[in-house]
Amino acid sequence: MSAEGIVYLDNYLNKQIVICYEDCTKEDFCYKHCVSTNCLNSNQENFRVGEYVLINNKPTKVHIVKPKDTLQSIATKYDVSVEKIKEKNKINAIFIGQQLFI
């Protein structure tokens, strides 16, 4: 199972809070949100629907995919490679509304 959620970024505290929309394991959650297990502010092994999860490090930028965005246009905007975006987000394609960690 994968973890789905809304990411809230707190620039002052340099943290992100994610609300789970699916039950998931710690590994699934970390894979989906591109963090290591030691970044989680929890020793739990499983997360439940509606649970808030605090992550101790946040990506430097989050891009929400808009109509007409391409991986190349996003990479150019943030001065990173397409490969870096794909690797960090574990994706091969993008869709409108998707959150990409840059």
N, C-alpha and C. Protein backbone atom coordinates (compact mmCIF):
# COMPACT_ATOMS: atom_id res chain seq x y z
N MET A 1 0.83 -1.18 0.00
CA MET A 1 0.00 0.00 0.00
C MET A 1 0.87 1.24 0.00
N SER A 2 0.41 2.29 -0.60
CA SER A 2 1.18 3.54 -0.56
C SER A 2 0.47 4.55 0.33
N ALA A 3 1.22 5.47 0.86
CA ALA A 3 0.67 6.53 1.70
C ALA A 3 0.25 7.67 0.81
N GLU A 4 -0.95 8.16 1.00
CA GLU A 4 -1.41 9.33 0.29
C GLU A 4 -1.62 10.41 1.32
N GLY A 5 -1.47 11.64 0.94
CA GLY A 5 -1.70 12.68 1.92
C GLY A 5 -1.47 14.07 1.40
N ILE A 6 -1.88 15.01 2.19
CA ILE A 6 -1.63 16.41 1.91
C ILE A 6 -0.43 16.81 2.73
N VAL A 7 0.49 17.49 2.12
CA VAL A 7 1.69 17.93 2.81
C VAL A 7 1.53 19.39 3.20
N TYR A 8 1.69 19.68 4.49
CA TYR A 8 1.69 21.04 4.98
C TYR A 8 3.12 21.40 5.33
N LEU A 9 3.63 22.45 4.74
CA LEU A 9 5.00 22.85 5.00
C LEU A 9 5.01 23.98 6.02
N ASP A 10 5.88 23.89 6.98
CA ASP A 10 6.06 24.94 7.99
C ASP A 10 7.48 25.45 7.85
N ASN A 11 7.63 26.57 7.15
CA ASN A 11 8.97 27.10 6.89
C ASN A 11 9.67 27.53 8.17
N TYR A 12 8.93 27.99 9.15
CA TYR A 12 9.55 28.46 10.39
C TYR A 12 10.16 27.29 11.16
N LEU A 13 9.43 26.21 11.26
CA LEU A 13 9.91 25.05 12.00
C LEU A 13 10.70 24.09 11.13
N ASN A 14 10.72 24.34 9.81
CA ASN A 14 11.43 23.48 8.87
C ASN A 14 10.94 22.03 8.96
N LYS A 15 9.63 21.88 9.00
CA LYS A 15 9.02 20.55 9.13
C LYS A 15 7.88 20.43 8.13
N GLN A 16 7.46 19.22 7.90
CA GLN A 16 6.25 19.00 7.12
C GLN A 16 5.35 18.05 7.87
N ILE A 17 4.05 18.28 7.75
CA ILE A 17 3.05 17.42 8.38
C ILE A 17 2.22 16.81 7.27
N VAL A 18 2.06 15.51 7.32
CA VAL A 18 1.32 14.80 6.29
C VAL A 18 0.11 14.12 6.93
N ILE A 19 -1.05 14.26 6.29
CA ILE A 19 -2.25 13.56 6.74
C ILE A 19 -2.42 12.33 5.86
N CYS A 20 -2.45 11.16 6.46
CA CYS A 20 -2.59 9.91 5.70
C CYS A 20 -4.02 9.73 5.22
N TYR A 21 -4.16 9.29 3.98
CA TYR A 21 -5.46 8.95 3.43
C TYR A 21 -5.62 7.45 3.22
N GLU A 22 -4.59 6.70 3.47
CA GLU A 22 -4.63 5.24 3.40
C GLU A 22 -3.83 4.68 4.56
N ASP A 23 -4.25 3.55 5.07
CA ASP A 23 -3.40 2.84 6.03
C ASP A 23 -2.12 2.44 5.29
N CYS A 24 -0.99 2.53 5.97
CA CYS A 24 0.26 2.19 5.31
C CYS A 24 1.33 1.84 6.34
N THR A 25 2.36 1.18 5.86
CA THR A 25 3.50 0.88 6.72
C THR A 25 4.46 2.06 6.71
N LYS A 26 5.39 2.06 7.64
CA LYS A 26 6.40 3.11 7.70
C LYS A 26 7.21 3.16 6.40
N GLU A 27 7.57 2.00 5.87
CA GLU A 27 8.36 1.96 4.64
C GLU A 27 7.59 2.53 3.47
N ASP A 28 6.30 2.18 3.35
CA ASP A 28 5.47 2.72 2.27
C ASP A 28 5.35 4.23 2.39
N PHE A 29 5.13 4.70 3.61
CA PHE A 29 4.99 6.12 3.85
C PHE A 29 6.27 6.86 3.45
N CYS A 30 7.41 6.36 3.87
CA CYS A 30 8.69 7.01 3.58
C CYS A 30 9.00 6.98 2.10
N TYR A 31 8.65 5.90 1.42
CA TYR A 31 8.87 5.80 -0.02
C TYR A 31 8.04 6.85 -0.74
N LYS A 32 6.77 6.97 -0.37
CA LYS A 32 5.87 7.90 -1.04
C LYS A 32 6.31 9.34 -0.83
N HIS A 33 6.81 9.66 0.35
CA HIS A 33 7.14 11.04 0.68
C HIS A 33 8.63 11.35 0.62
N CYS A 34 9.39 10.43 0.04
CA CYS A 34 10.82 10.66 -0.24
C CYS A 34 11.60 11.05 1.01
N VAL A 35 11.37 10.34 2.09
CA VAL A 35 12.14 10.59 3.31
C VAL A 35 12.67 9.27 3.85
N SER A 36 13.66 9.34 4.70
CA SER A 36 14.16 8.13 5.34
C SER A 36 13.38 7.89 6.63
N THR A 37 13.37 6.66 7.09
CA THR A 37 12.58 6.32 8.28
C THR A 37 13.04 7.08 9.51
N ASN A 38 14.30 7.48 9.57
CA ASN A 38 14.75 8.22 10.75
C ASN A 38 14.33 9.69 10.72
N CYS A 39 13.67 10.12 9.67
CA CYS A 39 13.14 11.50 9.60
C CYS A 39 11.77 11.60 10.26
N LEU A 40 11.13 10.47 10.50
CA LEU A 40 9.78 10.52 11.07
C LEU A 40 9.85 10.80 12.56
N ASN A 41 8.95 11.64 13.02
CA ASN A 41 8.86 11.97 14.44
C ASN A 41 7.94 10.95 15.12
N SER A 42 8.22 9.69 14.90
CA SER A 42 7.38 8.62 15.42
C SER A 42 8.14 7.30 15.33
N ASN A 43 7.93 6.43 16.30
CA ASN A 43 8.51 5.10 16.24
C ASN A 43 7.50 4.07 15.74
N GLN A 44 6.34 4.55 15.32
CA GLN A 44 5.30 3.65 14.84
C GLN A 44 5.75 2.89 13.60
N GLU A 45 5.24 1.70 13.45
CA GLU A 45 5.52 0.91 12.25
C GLU A 45 4.41 1.03 11.22
N ASN A 46 3.22 1.44 11.67
CA ASN A 46 2.07 1.57 10.76
C ASN A 46 1.36 2.89 11.02
N PHE A 47 0.77 3.44 9.96
CA PHE A 47 0.01 4.67 10.07
C PHE A 47 -1.40 4.42 9.58
N ARG A 48 -2.35 5.13 10.16
CA ARG A 48 -3.76 4.91 9.86
C ARG A 48 -4.36 6.12 9.15
N VAL A 49 -5.48 5.88 8.49
CA VAL A 49 -6.21 6.94 7.80
C VAL A 49 -6.49 8.08 8.78
N GLY A 50 -6.24 9.31 8.33
CA GLY A 50 -6.52 10.49 9.14
C GLY A 50 -5.43 10.86 10.12
N GLU A 51 -4.41 10.05 10.22
CA GLU A 51 -3.34 10.31 11.18
C GLU A 51 -2.38 11.39 10.64
N TYR A 52 -1.96 12.28 11.53
CA TYR A 52 -0.98 13.30 11.18
C TYR A 52 0.41 12.74 11.45
N VAL A 53 1.30 12.90 10.50
CA VAL A 53 2.66 12.41 10.64
C VAL A 53 3.61 13.60 10.47
N LEU A 54 4.45 13.82 11.46
CA LEU A 54 5.42 14.91 11.43
C LEU A 54 6.75 14.39 10.90
N ILE A 55 7.27 15.08 9.91
CA ILE A 55 8.55 14.71 9.31
C ILE A 55 9.56 15.78 9.68
N ASN A 56 10.71 15.37 10.16
CA ASN A 56 11.69 16.29 10.70
C ASN A 56 12.53 17.03 9.67
N ASN A 57 12.49 16.63 8.44
CA ASN A 57 13.16 17.43 7.41
C ASN A 57 12.19 17.64 6.27
N LYS A 58 12.30 18.74 5.61
CA LYS A 58 11.39 19.01 4.50
C LYS A 58 12.18 19.24 3.22
N PRO A 59 11.56 18.96 2.10
CA PRO A 59 12.24 19.27 0.86
C PRO A 59 12.38 20.79 0.73
N THR A 60 13.33 21.23 -0.04
CA THR A 60 13.53 22.67 -0.17
C THR A 60 12.37 23.32 -0.91
N LYS A 61 11.79 22.63 -1.87
CA LYS A 61 10.69 23.20 -2.65
C LYS A 61 9.68 22.11 -2.98
N VAL A 62 8.42 22.53 -3.10
CA VAL A 62 7.36 21.65 -3.57
C VAL A 62 6.70 22.35 -4.74
N HIS A 63 6.55 21.64 -5.85
CA HIS A 63 5.89 22.19 -7.04
C HIS A 63 4.60 21.41 -7.26
N ILE A 64 3.51 22.13 -7.44
CA ILE A 64 2.22 21.50 -7.79
C ILE A 64 2.10 21.57 -9.31
N VAL A 65 1.94 20.41 -9.94
CA VAL A 65 1.88 20.33 -11.40
C VAL A 65 0.61 21.00 -11.91
N LYS A 66 0.80 21.89 -12.88
CA LYS A 66 -0.30 22.64 -13.49
C LYS A 66 -0.47 22.18 -14.94
N PRO A 67 -1.63 22.52 -15.54
CA PRO A 67 -1.80 22.18 -16.96
C PRO A 67 -0.64 22.76 -17.78
N LYS A 68 -0.20 22.04 -18.75
CA LYS A 68 0.89 22.39 -19.65
C LYS A 68 2.28 22.23 -19.04
N ASP A 69 2.39 21.89 -17.74
CA ASP A 69 3.70 21.60 -17.16
C ASP A 69 4.25 20.32 -17.77
N THR A 70 5.54 20.29 -17.97
CA THR A 70 6.24 19.07 -18.36
C THR A 70 7.38 18.89 -17.38
N LEU A 71 7.93 17.69 -17.32
CA LEU A 71 9.09 17.48 -16.46
C LEU A 71 10.23 18.42 -16.86
N GLN A 72 10.39 18.62 -18.16
CA GLN A 72 11.47 19.51 -18.62
C GLN A 72 11.21 20.96 -18.21
N SER A 73 9.98 21.44 -18.33
CA SER A 73 9.70 22.84 -17.95
C SER A 73 9.86 23.05 -16.45
N ILE A 74 9.49 22.06 -15.66
CA ILE A 74 9.65 22.16 -14.20
C ILE A 74 11.13 22.13 -13.84
N ALA A 75 11.88 21.23 -14.47
CA ALA A 75 13.32 21.14 -14.21
C ALA A 75 14.01 22.45 -14.56
N THR A 76 13.64 23.03 -15.67
CA THR A 76 14.22 24.31 -16.09
C THR A 76 13.88 25.42 -15.09
N LYS A 77 12.65 25.45 -14.64
CA LYS A 77 12.21 26.48 -13.69
C LYS A 77 13.04 26.45 -12.41
N TYR A 78 13.35 25.25 -11.92
CA TYR A 78 14.08 25.11 -10.65
C TYR A 78 15.58 24.85 -10.84
N ASP A 79 16.02 24.87 -12.08
CA ASP A 79 17.43 24.66 -12.41
C ASP A 79 17.97 23.33 -11.86
N VAL A 80 17.20 22.28 -12.11
CA VAL A 80 17.60 20.92 -11.74
C VAL A 80 17.39 20.03 -12.96
N SER A 81 17.88 18.82 -12.90
CA SER A 81 17.69 17.90 -14.03
C SER A 81 16.35 17.17 -13.92
N VAL A 82 15.85 16.75 -15.06
CA VAL A 82 14.64 15.93 -15.10
C VAL A 82 14.88 14.66 -14.30
N GLU A 83 16.05 14.07 -14.45
CA GLU A 83 16.38 12.83 -13.73
C GLU A 83 16.31 13.02 -12.22
N LYS A 84 16.78 14.17 -11.74
CA LYS A 84 16.74 14.42 -10.30
C LYS A 84 15.30 14.48 -9.79
N ILE A 85 14.43 15.14 -10.54
CA ILE A 85 13.00 15.21 -10.15
C ILE A 85 12.39 13.81 -10.17
N LYS A 86 12.67 13.06 -11.23
CA LYS A 86 12.11 11.70 -11.33
C LYS A 86 12.61 10.81 -10.20
N GLU A 87 13.89 10.91 -9.89
CA GLU A 87 14.48 10.08 -8.84
C GLU A 87 13.94 10.46 -7.46
N LYS A 88 13.89 11.74 -7.18
CA LYS A 88 13.44 12.20 -5.86
C LYS A 88 11.98 11.85 -5.60
N ASN A 89 11.17 11.85 -6.68
CA ASN A 89 9.74 11.60 -6.53
C ASN A 89 9.34 10.18 -6.92
N LYS A 90 10.31 9.37 -7.35
CA LYS A 90 10.06 7.98 -7.74
C LYS A 90 8.95 7.90 -8.80
N ILE A 91 9.10 8.70 -9.85
CA ILE A 91 8.09 8.78 -10.92
C ILE A 91 8.74 8.65 -12.28
N ASN A 92 7.90 8.39 -13.28
CA ASN A 92 8.30 8.45 -14.68
C ASN A 92 7.45 9.45 -15.45
N ALA A 93 6.31 9.81 -14.89
CA ALA A 93 5.39 10.74 -15.55
C ALA A 93 4.74 11.61 -14.47
N ILE A 94 4.11 12.70 -14.91
CA ILE A 94 3.45 13.60 -13.97
C ILE A 94 1.98 13.76 -14.34
N PHE A 95 1.18 14.26 -13.39
CA PHE A 95 -0.22 14.54 -13.65
C PHE A 95 -0.61 15.85 -12.95
N ILE A 96 -1.63 16.50 -13.47
CA ILE A 96 -2.09 17.79 -12.92
C ILE A 96 -2.48 17.61 -11.46
N GLY A 97 -2.00 18.53 -10.63
CA GLY A 97 -2.30 18.49 -9.19
C GLY A 97 -1.29 17.71 -8.37
N GLN A 98 -0.40 17.01 -9.01
CA GLN A 98 0.61 16.22 -8.31
C GLN A 98 1.60 17.13 -7.59
N GLN A 99 2.02 16.73 -6.40
CA GLN A 99 3.05 17.45 -5.66
C GLN A 99 4.40 16.83 -6.00
N LEU A 100 5.32 17.66 -6.45
CA LEU A 100 6.66 17.18 -6.74
C LEU A 100 7.64 17.83 -5.78
N PHE A 101 8.50 17.01 -5.17
CA PHE A 101 9.56 17.53 -4.33
C PHE A 101 10.74 17.85 -5.24
N ILE A 102 11.26 19.05 -5.09
CA ILE A 102 12.36 19.52 -5.95
C ILE A 102 13.65 19.48 -5.16
